[in-house]
């Protein structure tokens, strides 16, 4: 077993992702897509297939942030259990939710086949199961009801007494899938360009206007008929700041952790697994000719709201070693997921929507007020060791201070540019995370993910 872990996603080693130039001149298109992750590239692909001219811009690299940090665990099964969906929406709408997920996987398969994208896609069985060590006959009964309900709605689901690897009761769901996400997105990007689409990396959408409709990025104007906001957390765009901010607060941002390792070929079954715990863990396999890669994720928490981020991956590694004895651990990373009511944060049909909104945002005033009085971890730059970040008192305010391995110090304001909370250092990912609404910043203050759109300011 290796002692050093690559801190980048496993997918980064073998993606073959093409590079695209910065936008360096004014231009026009039928549509501008902001964000070149899976949502943006898929939207651009569908637009180009419909003979629409399209420009895609991304402030970084294609598929490099959350779409590049996924485990690519493709399933139609939602986090909200099917019995709860039926209770909230009724049988027809609950079935439509699962059907939509299955249709999305089928569309990915269709695109891969059409363009002959080599990305390890395959249909596999998925198992929703009781976590080992969690006793209780009531959970087994509920799993049985989940399977019965899924079958009644026309899905290939069966209750099993022993799930592969775990040996616990579960529900087997046929027709799920796995894919190498960055290889798929590399192929999708090439297909977009082949259809006439234009992709520009390192091109930040700085300004939106609606009379006439246009996006300004890198100081250049893109005139268009439509704008698609496909960023992980929606930008303000042409909407009002108040409305956009309210929309952003309806999204609950969680950090999720992933570990991966190498095992001998065929010793672990090629299936998807995810359990009933909260937060749950999820498992999948990436197959090769002479070996397999096993991937386990979980340990989710509200972004910026826990102090033990450095312990999350080790816990997952111990769990992966239990599932796959002899695994050679090689990678650990994290990503960010958004939890919202089904597909639309403003959906009126969801019961308890107001309660969920209040619950997810209850921490905002707490952190906003608490950190003003107790947010600093030191009073001197000398308190920050190499490879570490801390919020320190500086000139009557609070500064986010990072000292790199060589000893160079970067100082930025500790105030999140979204709604004014104080950021916290995440030692696992070496990022500044906001505990209020989940914005993440690089050590030098650059925005990694929103809702913040502006970098951390210079410290006073």
Protein backbone atom coordinates (compact mmCIF):
# COMPACT_ATOMS: atom_id res chain seq x y z
CA UNK A 1 0.00 0.00 0.00
CA UNK A 2 1.39 3.41 -0.95
CA UNK A 3 1.76 6.10 1.71
CA UNK A 4 1.58 9.07 -0.67
CA UNK A 5 -1.67 9.86 -2.44
CA UNK A 6 -2.10 11.89 -5.59
CA UNK A 7 -4.31 14.84 -4.47
CA UNK A 8 -5.80 15.28 -7.94
CA UNK A 9 -8.76 13.28 -9.27
CA UNK A 10 -7.86 9.91 -10.77
CA UNK A 11 -9.38 11.07 -14.07
CA UNK A 12 -6.81 13.84 -14.44
CA UNK A 13 -4.02 11.37 -15.26
CA UNK A 14 -5.52 10.00 -18.45
CA UNK A 15 -8.09 12.40 -19.84
CA UNK A 16 -6.60 13.49 -23.18
CA UNK A 17 -8.56 16.71 -22.85
CA UNK A 18 -7.84 19.16 -25.69
CA UNK A 19 -6.84 22.75 -24.95
CA UNK A 20 -8.73 25.74 -26.27
CA UNK A 21 -7.63 29.35 -26.72
CA UNK A 22 -8.76 32.40 -24.77
CA UNK A 23 -11.36 34.68 -26.32
CA UNK A 24 -9.33 37.52 -27.86
CA UNK A 25 -11.80 39.33 -30.14
CA UNK A 26 -15.44 40.42 -30.33
CA UNK A 27 -17.71 37.81 -31.89
CA UNK A 28 -21.34 36.69 -32.16
CA UNK A 29 -23.36 33.47 -32.01
CA UNK A 30 -26.90 32.24 -31.68
CA UNK A 31 -26.12 31.14 -28.12
CA UNK A 32 -23.43 31.66 -25.50
CA UNK A 33 -22.92 28.87 -22.97
CA UNK A 34 -21.15 29.95 -19.77
CA UNK A 35 -19.41 26.97 -18.18
CA UNK A 36 -17.68 24.04 -19.91
CA UNK A 37 -18.50 21.21 -17.54
CA UNK A 38 -20.88 18.38 -18.33
CA UNK A 39 -23.95 20.65 -18.30
CA UNK A 40 -22.39 23.30 -20.52
CA UNK A 41 -20.81 20.91 -23.02
CA UNK A 42 -24.02 18.88 -23.23
CA UNK A 43 -26.09 22.02 -23.83
CA UNK A 44 -23.61 23.18 -26.48
CA UNK A 45 -23.68 19.78 -28.15
CA UNK A 46 -27.47 19.79 -28.37
CA UNK A 47 -27.48 23.37 -29.68
CA UNK A 48 -24.85 22.58 -32.31
CA UNK A 49 -26.76 19.44 -33.31
CA UNK A 50 -29.81 21.68 -33.87
CA UNK A 51 -27.73 23.82 -36.28
CA UNK A 52 -27.35 26.70 -33.84
CA UNK A 53 -24.07 28.58 -33.73
CA UNK A 54 -22.69 28.42 -30.21
CA UNK A 55 -19.77 29.83 -28.20
CA UNK A 56 -18.77 28.15 -24.93
CA UNK A 57 -16.65 30.06 -22.41
CA UNK A 58 -15.09 28.90 -19.16
CA UNK A 59 -12.97 30.85 -16.70
CA UNK A 60 -10.63 27.83 -16.34
CA UNK A 61 -10.14 24.58 -18.19
CA UNK A 62 -12.90 22.45 -19.69
CA UNK A 63 -14.24 19.80 -17.31
CA UNK A 64 -11.65 20.69 -14.68
CA UNK A 65 -13.67 21.70 -11.63
CA UNK A 66 -16.68 19.78 -10.34
CA UNK A 67 -17.30 17.83 -13.54
CA UNK A 68 -13.68 16.70 -13.34
CA UNK A 69 -13.98 15.75 -9.66
CA UNK A 70 -17.01 13.48 -9.93
CA UNK A 71 -16.97 9.72 -9.40
CA UNK A 72 -19.08 9.36 -12.59
CA UNK A 73 -21.52 7.06 -10.84
CA UNK A 74 -24.42 7.10 -13.34
CA UNK A 75 -27.76 6.14 -11.86
CA UNK A 76 -31.39 7.12 -12.23
CA UNK A 77 -31.91 6.49 -8.49
CA UNK A 78 -32.23 9.82 -6.69
CA UNK A 79 -30.93 10.67 -3.22
CA UNK A 80 -34.56 11.11 -2.20
CA UNK A 81 -35.87 7.56 -1.87
CA UNK A 82 -38.58 6.43 -4.24
CA UNK A 83 -41.12 5.93 -1.46
CA UNK A 84 -40.56 9.56 -0.40
CA UNK A 85 -40.82 10.79 -4.00
CA UNK A 86 -44.18 9.07 -4.38
CA UNK A 87 -45.33 10.57 -1.09
CA UNK A 88 -44.26 14.07 -2.17
CA UNK A 89 -45.15 14.04 -5.86
CA UNK A 90 -47.43 11.10 -6.58
CA UNK A 91 -46.63 7.94 -8.52
CA UNK A 92 -46.69 9.43 -12.03
CA UNK A 93 -44.29 12.26 -11.23
CA UNK A 94 -41.99 10.04 -9.17
CA UNK A 95 -41.80 7.64 -12.11
CA UNK A 96 -41.03 10.57 -14.41
CA UNK A 97 -38.06 11.54 -12.21
CA UNK A 98 -36.50 8.08 -12.53
CA UNK A 99 -37.40 7.93 -16.22
CA UNK A 100 -35.58 11.23 -16.76
CA UNK A 101 -32.45 9.83 -15.14
CA UNK A 102 -32.59 6.70 -17.26
CA UNK A 103 -33.11 8.80 -20.39
CA UNK A 104 -30.04 10.88 -19.52
CA UNK A 105 -27.86 7.77 -19.24
CA UNK A 106 -29.26 6.48 -22.53
CA UNK A 107 -28.46 9.80 -24.19
CA UNK A 108 -24.86 9.60 -22.96
CA UNK A 109 -24.65 6.09 -24.41
CA UNK A 110 -26.06 7.34 -27.73
CA UNK A 111 -23.55 10.19 -27.98
CA UNK A 112 -20.66 7.87 -27.14
CA UNK A 113 -21.69 5.39 -29.82
CA UNK A 114 -22.32 8.05 -32.46
CA UNK A 115 -18.92 9.68 -32.02
CA UNK A 116 -17.00 6.53 -31.01
CA UNK A 117 -15.75 8.09 -27.78
CA UNK A 118 -13.33 5.79 -25.94
CA UNK A 119 -14.33 6.46 -22.34
CA UNK A 120 -14.98 3.12 -20.67
CA UNK A 121 -18.76 3.47 -20.69
CA UNK A 122 -20.69 0.34 -19.72
CA UNK A 123 -24.08 -0.60 -18.35
CA UNK A 124 -23.80 -2.22 -14.90
CA UNK A 125 -26.00 -3.25 -12.00
CA UNK A 126 -26.52 -0.81 -9.14
CA UNK A 127 -27.15 -1.76 -5.51
CA UNK A 128 -28.77 0.48 -2.91
CA UNK A 129 -27.94 -1.27 0.36
CA UNK A 130 -27.82 -1.15 4.12
CA UNK A 131 -24.39 -0.05 5.37
CA UNK A 132 -22.38 -2.82 7.10
CA UNK A 133 -22.69 -2.49 10.85
CA UNK A 134 -26.07 -0.74 10.67
CA UNK A 135 -28.44 -3.21 12.28
CA UNK A 136 -32.20 -3.02 12.08
CA UNK A 137 -34.96 -5.03 10.49
CA UNK A 138 -36.96 -1.89 9.78
CA UNK A 139 -34.39 -0.73 7.21
CA UNK A 140 -34.50 -4.14 5.51
CA UNK A 141 -38.28 -3.89 5.33
CA UNK A 142 -38.05 -0.41 3.84
CA UNK A 143 -35.58 -1.61 1.21
CA UNK A 144 -38.02 -4.36 0.29
CA UNK A 145 -40.77 -1.77 -0.13
CA UNK A 146 -38.44 0.36 -2.29
CA UNK A 147 -37.85 -2.63 -4.58
CA UNK A 148 -41.53 -3.50 -4.80
CA UNK A 149 -42.49 0.08 -5.62
CA UNK A 150 -39.77 0.41 -8.28
CA UNK A 151 -40.96 -2.81 -9.92
CA UNK A 152 -44.57 -1.60 -9.83
CA UNK A 153 -43.50 1.55 -11.68
CA UNK A 154 -41.86 -0.52 -14.41
CA UNK A 155 -38.20 -0.49 -13.38
CA UNK A 156 -35.95 -3.54 -13.17
CA UNK A 157 -35.47 -3.64 -9.42
CA UNK A 158 -35.24 -6.62 -7.08
CA UNK A 159 -34.75 -6.95 -3.33
CA UNK A 160 -31.65 -9.01 -2.44
CA UNK A 161 -30.62 -10.50 0.88
CA UNK A 162 -26.90 -9.98 0.28
CA UNK A 163 -25.40 -7.12 -1.71
CA UNK A 164 -22.05 -7.85 -3.42
CA UNK A 165 -19.02 -6.97 -1.25
CA UNK A 166 -21.07 -5.83 1.75
CA UNK A 167 -23.28 -8.88 2.33
CA UNK A 168 -26.09 -6.65 3.59
CA UNK A 169 -29.72 -6.42 2.38
CA UNK A 170 -30.29 -4.15 -0.57
CA UNK A 171 -32.09 -3.35 -3.80
CA UNK A 172 -30.56 -4.37 -7.13
CA UNK A 173 -31.40 -1.92 -9.93
CA UNK A 174 -30.50 -2.99 -13.46
CA UNK A 175 -29.55 -0.59 -16.23
CA UNK A 176 -27.17 1.76 -14.40
CA UNK A 177 -23.81 2.80 -15.83
CA UNK A 178 -20.26 4.05 -15.31
CA UNK A 179 -17.98 6.19 -17.47
CA UNK A 180 -14.56 7.86 -17.40
CA UNK A 181 -15.94 11.41 -17.08
CA UNK A 182 -13.09 13.47 -18.49
CA UNK A 183 -12.53 11.15 -21.45
CA UNK A 184 -16.23 11.41 -22.19
CA UNK A 185 -16.16 15.20 -21.90
CA UNK A 186 -13.02 15.38 -24.05
CA UNK A 187 -14.90 13.47 -26.76
CA UNK A 188 -17.97 15.63 -26.29
CA UNK A 189 -15.90 18.82 -26.63
CA UNK A 190 -14.38 17.52 -29.88
CA UNK A 191 -17.88 16.71 -31.17
CA UNK A 192 -19.05 20.25 -30.34
CA UNK A 193 -16.12 21.76 -32.25
CA UNK A 194 -16.67 19.38 -35.18
CA UNK A 195 -20.27 20.63 -35.37
CA UNK A 196 -19.11 24.25 -35.57
CA UNK A 197 -19.10 25.20 -31.89
CA UNK A 198 -16.34 27.40 -30.48
CA UNK A 199 -14.83 26.79 -27.04
CA UNK A 200 -12.72 29.36 -25.19
CA UNK A 201 -10.92 28.49 -21.96
CA UNK A 202 -9.55 30.98 -19.41
CA UNK A 203 -12.37 33.29 -20.45
CA UNK A 204 -14.32 34.73 -17.54
CA UNK A 205 -17.84 36.08 -18.09
CA UNK A 206 -17.41 39.53 -16.60
CA UNK A 207 -20.57 41.35 -17.66
CA UNK A 208 -24.00 40.52 -19.06
CA UNK A 209 -26.29 42.92 -20.95
CA UNK A 210 -29.80 42.48 -22.32
CA UNK A 211 -30.29 45.49 -24.60
CA UNK A 212 -29.08 43.95 -26.85
CA UNK A 213 -28.24 40.54 -25.38
CA UNK A 214 -24.49 40.02 -24.99
CA UNK A 215 -21.77 38.66 -22.73
CA UNK A 216 -18.49 40.48 -22.15
CA UNK A 217 -15.52 38.25 -21.35
CA UNK A 218 -11.80 39.05 -21.31
CA UNK A 219 -12.84 42.55 -22.36
CA UNK A 220 -14.49 41.29 -25.58
CA UNK A 221 -18.18 41.26 -26.45
CA UNK A 222 -20.12 38.20 -27.62
CA UNK A 223 -23.46 39.24 -29.14
CA UNK A 224 -26.09 36.50 -29.02
CA UNK A 225 -29.77 35.57 -29.02
CA UNK A 226 -29.65 33.28 -25.98
CA UNK A 227 -27.44 32.78 -22.94
CA UNK A 228 -27.14 29.45 -21.11
CA UNK A 229 -25.76 29.71 -17.57
CA UNK A 230 -24.15 26.31 -16.98
CA UNK A 231 -21.86 27.10 -14.07
CA UNK A 232 -21.86 24.85 -11.02
CA UNK A 233 -23.61 27.55 -9.02
CA UNK A 234 -25.66 29.95 -11.19
CA UNK A 235 -24.20 33.38 -11.94
CA UNK A 236 -26.29 36.52 -11.63
CA UNK A 237 -26.40 36.89 -15.43
CA UNK A 238 -28.93 39.45 -16.62
CA UNK A 239 -31.19 38.92 -13.62
CA UNK A 240 -31.33 41.34 -10.72
CA UNK A 241 -28.81 40.87 -7.93
CA UNK A 242 -31.49 40.45 -5.26
CA UNK A 243 -33.36 37.76 -7.18
CA UNK A 244 -30.18 35.93 -8.14
CA UNK A 245 -28.91 36.00 -4.57
CA UNK A 246 -32.19 34.58 -3.28
CA UNK A 247 -31.97 31.85 -5.92
CA UNK A 248 -28.41 31.00 -4.86
CA UNK A 249 -29.42 30.69 -1.19
CA UNK A 250 -31.92 27.99 -2.19
CA UNK A 251 -29.01 25.75 -3.17
CA UNK A 252 -27.32 23.70 -0.45
CA UNK A 253 -23.64 23.13 -1.29
CA UNK A 254 -21.91 20.07 0.16
CA UNK A 255 -18.31 18.88 -0.06
CA UNK A 256 -17.88 15.21 -0.92
CA UNK A 257 -14.67 13.18 -0.73
CA UNK A 258 -13.36 10.40 -2.96
CA UNK A 259 -10.50 7.89 -2.73
CA UNK A 260 -9.25 5.42 -5.33
CA UNK A 261 -6.83 2.54 -5.60
CA UNK A 262 -5.61 -0.29 -7.79
CA UNK A 263 -6.61 -3.96 -7.42
CA UNK A 264 -5.98 -7.13 -9.38
CA UNK A 265 -8.23 -7.69 -12.37
CA UNK A 266 -11.61 -9.21 -11.56
CA UNK A 267 -11.29 -9.54 -7.77
CA UNK A 268 -14.01 -6.93 -7.24
CA UNK A 269 -17.39 -7.13 -9.03
CA UNK A 270 -18.09 -4.39 -11.59
CA UNK A 271 -21.12 -2.83 -9.91
CA UNK A 272 -22.29 0.43 -8.41
CA UNK A 273 -22.94 0.50 -4.67
CA UNK A 274 -24.41 3.19 -2.43
CA UNK A 275 -25.81 2.81 1.06
CA UNK A 276 -28.71 4.03 3.18
CA UNK A 277 -26.63 6.03 5.68
CA UNK A 278 -26.71 9.82 5.92
CA UNK A 279 -24.28 10.89 4.61
CA UNK A 280 -24.04 7.86 2.35
CA UNK A 281 -21.03 6.26 0.67
CA UNK A 282 -20.82 5.30 -3.00
CA UNK A 283 -18.60 2.77 -4.76
CA UNK A 284 -17.73 1.93 -8.35
CA UNK A 285 -15.07 0.25 -10.51
CA UNK A 286 -13.04 1.48 -13.48
CA UNK A 287 -11.85 -1.49 -15.54
CA UNK A 288 -8.66 -1.99 -17.54
CA UNK A 289 -7.11 -4.96 -19.34
CA UNK A 290 -4.70 -5.97 -16.59
CA UNK A 291 -6.10 -4.32 -13.45
CA UNK A 292 -9.10 -2.50 -12.00
CA UNK A 293 -9.44 0.82 -10.19
CA UNK A 294 -11.84 0.87 -7.24
CA UNK A 295 -13.37 4.19 -6.17
CA UNK A 296 -15.19 5.03 -2.94
CA UNK A 297 -16.76 8.38 -2.08
CA UNK A 298 -18.79 9.99 0.68
CA UNK A 299 -18.20 11.73 4.03
CA UNK A 300 -20.28 14.68 2.76
CA UNK A 301 -20.75 17.84 4.82
CA UNK A 302 -21.93 21.40 4.30
CA UNK A 303 -19.02 23.23 2.69
CA UNK A 304 -16.94 25.19 5.19
CA UNK A 305 -18.79 23.94 8.27
CA UNK A 306 -16.53 21.21 9.67
CA UNK A 307 -12.98 21.32 11.02
CA UNK A 308 -11.97 17.69 10.42
CA UNK A 309 -11.70 17.77 6.61
CA UNK A 310 -8.26 16.13 6.80
CA UNK A 311 -9.86 13.05 8.41
CA UNK A 312 -12.50 12.46 5.73
CA UNK A 313 -10.31 10.73 3.15
CA UNK A 314 -8.51 8.47 5.68
CA UNK A 315 -11.91 7.21 6.88
CA UNK A 316 -12.87 6.42 3.30
CA UNK A 317 -9.53 4.70 2.71
CA UNK A 318 -10.10 2.39 5.67
CA UNK A 319 -13.57 1.59 4.36
CA UNK A 320 -12.21 0.89 0.87
CA UNK A 321 -9.56 -1.43 2.29
CA UNK A 322 -12.35 -3.36 4.03
CA UNK A 323 -14.31 -3.67 0.77
CA UNK A 324 -11.26 -4.52 -1.37
CA UNK A 325 -8.49 -6.12 0.76
CA UNK A 326 -5.07 -5.59 -0.74
CA UNK A 327 -6.01 -2.40 -2.59
CA UNK A 328 -3.07 -0.15 -3.45
CA UNK A 329 -4.38 3.30 -2.54
CA UNK A 330 -3.32 5.89 -5.09
CA UNK A 331 -5.62 8.94 -5.18
CA UNK A 332 -7.77 11.11 -2.93
CA UNK A 333 -9.72 14.21 -3.85
CA UNK A 334 -12.92 16.11 -3.16
CA UNK A 335 -15.68 17.75 -5.13
CA UNK A 336 -18.78 19.77 -4.46
CA UNK A 337 -22.39 18.72 -4.95
CA UNK A 338 -25.56 20.78 -4.83
CA UNK A 339 -28.67 19.51 -3.10
CA UNK A 340 -31.95 21.06 -4.29
CA UNK A 341 -35.58 19.92 -4.46
CA UNK A 342 -35.52 17.65 -7.53
CA UNK A 343 -34.54 19.69 -10.58
CA UNK A 344 -35.86 23.15 -9.69
CA UNK A 345 -34.98 25.00 -6.47
CA UNK A 346 -38.21 27.02 -6.76
CA UNK A 347 -40.46 24.02 -7.43
CA UNK A 348 -43.83 24.65 -5.80
CA UNK A 349 -45.03 21.03 -5.72
CA UNK A 350 -42.47 19.94 -3.12
CA UNK A 351 -43.90 19.77 0.37
CA UNK A 352 -41.80 21.07 3.22
CA UNK A 353 -39.92 23.30 0.74
CA UNK A 354 -39.99 26.31 3.08
CA UNK A 355 -38.74 24.19 5.97
CA UNK A 356 -35.88 22.79 3.87
CA UNK A 357 -34.96 26.33 2.76
CA UNK A 358 -34.89 27.59 6.34
CA UNK A 359 -32.96 24.51 7.51
CA UNK A 360 -30.24 24.83 4.86
CA UNK A 361 -29.85 28.59 5.47
CA UNK A 362 -30.18 28.58 9.25
CA UNK A 363 -26.40 28.64 9.59
CA UNK A 364 -26.03 31.87 7.60
CA UNK A 365 -26.75 34.36 10.44
CA UNK A 366 -24.88 32.11 12.89
CA UNK A 367 -21.63 32.16 10.92
CA UNK A 368 -22.06 35.77 9.82
CA UNK A 369 -22.31 36.96 13.42
CA UNK A 370 -20.13 34.39 15.20
CA UNK A 371 -17.13 34.81 12.94
CA UNK A 372 -17.15 38.57 13.41
CA UNK A 373 -16.30 37.97 17.07
CA UNK A 374 -14.47 34.64 17.08
CA UNK A 375 -13.33 34.04 13.52
CA UNK A 376 -9.59 34.71 13.87
CA UNK A 377 -7.18 31.85 14.59
CA UNK A 378 -4.14 34.02 15.24
CA UNK A 379 -2.87 37.57 15.55
CA UNK A 380 0.35 37.32 13.54
CA UNK A 381 1.50 36.09 10.17
CA UNK A 382 4.09 34.09 12.10
CA UNK A 383 1.26 31.91 13.40
CA UNK A 384 0.81 30.47 9.90
CA UNK A 385 3.10 27.53 9.18
CA UNK A 386 4.27 26.35 5.76
CA UNK A 387 1.55 24.66 3.72
CA UNK A 388 -1.10 26.09 6.04
CA UNK A 389 -3.79 28.73 5.92
CA UNK A 390 -5.30 30.69 8.82
CA UNK A 391 -7.63 33.62 9.41
CA UNK A 392 -5.64 36.19 11.42
CA UNK A 393 -6.27 39.63 12.87
CA UNK A 394 -4.70 42.27 10.66
CA UNK A 395 -5.10 46.08 10.73
CA UNK A 396 -8.37 45.87 12.63
CA UNK A 397 -9.87 43.30 10.28
CA UNK A 398 -9.57 39.61 9.45
CA UNK A 399 -7.26 38.34 6.75
CA UNK A 400 -7.00 34.95 5.01
CA UNK A 401 -3.29 34.14 5.17
CA UNK A 402 -1.60 31.26 3.36
CA UNK A 403 2.07 30.30 3.54
CA UNK A 404 3.26 27.97 0.76
CA UNK A 405 5.88 25.21 1.03
CA UNK A 406 8.65 27.65 0.14
CA UNK A 407 7.59 30.09 2.86
CA UNK A 408 6.00 32.74 0.61
CA UNK A 409 2.93 34.35 2.19
CA UNK A 410 -0.29 35.31 0.41
CA UNK A 411 -2.68 37.63 2.27
CA UNK A 412 -6.27 38.28 1.21
CA UNK A 413 -9.40 39.55 2.90
CA UNK A 414 -11.18 36.76 4.78
CA UNK A 415 -14.59 38.15 3.80
CA UNK A 416 -16.45 36.08 1.21
CA UNK A 417 -17.46 38.26 -1.73
CA UNK A 418 -20.90 36.65 -1.96
CA UNK A 419 -22.69 37.74 1.22
CA UNK A 420 -19.97 38.75 3.64
CA UNK A 421 -19.29 35.66 5.78
CA UNK A 422 -15.74 34.81 6.80
CA UNK A 423 -14.03 32.01 4.91
CA UNK A 424 -12.29 29.10 6.60
CA UNK A 425 -9.19 27.16 5.60
CA UNK A 426 -9.80 23.64 4.30
CA UNK A 427 -6.57 21.73 5.01
CA UNK A 428 -7.63 18.72 2.96
CA UNK A 429 -8.06 20.62 -0.30
CA UNK A 430 -5.99 23.73 0.53
CA UNK A 431 -8.86 26.06 -0.25
CA UNK A 432 -10.70 28.88 1.49
CA UNK A 433 -14.31 27.72 2.00
CA UNK A 434 -17.31 29.85 2.98
CA UNK A 435 -19.52 28.19 5.63
CA UNK A 436 -22.62 30.22 4.70
CA UNK A 437 -23.31 29.35 1.06
CA UNK A 438 -20.42 27.17 -0.03
CA UNK A 439 -18.20 29.45 -2.12
CA UNK A 440 -14.64 28.15 -2.51
CA UNK A 441 -11.46 30.12 -3.22
CA UNK A 442 -7.88 29.18 -4.10
CA UNK A 443 -5.09 30.17 -1.66
CA UNK A 444 -4.48 33.32 -3.72
CA UNK A 445 -8.17 34.28 -3.51
CA UNK A 446 -9.30 33.20 -6.99
CA UNK A 447 -12.84 31.85 -7.18
CA UNK A 448 -12.95 28.07 -7.58
CA UNK A 449 -16.72 27.74 -7.27
CA UNK A 450 -19.59 30.09 -6.50
CA UNK A 451 -21.99 31.54 -5.67
CA UNK A 452 -19.22 34.12 -5.20
CA UNK A 453 -18.22 35.65 -8.53
CA UNK A 454 -15.43 38.00 -7.41
CA UNK A 455 -12.11 36.88 -5.86
CA UNK A 456 -11.20 37.58 -2.25
CA UNK A 457 -10.20 41.21 -2.00
CA UNK A 458 -6.78 42.53 -1.09
CA UNK A 459 -6.40 42.64 2.67
CA UNK A 460 -6.53 46.04 4.31
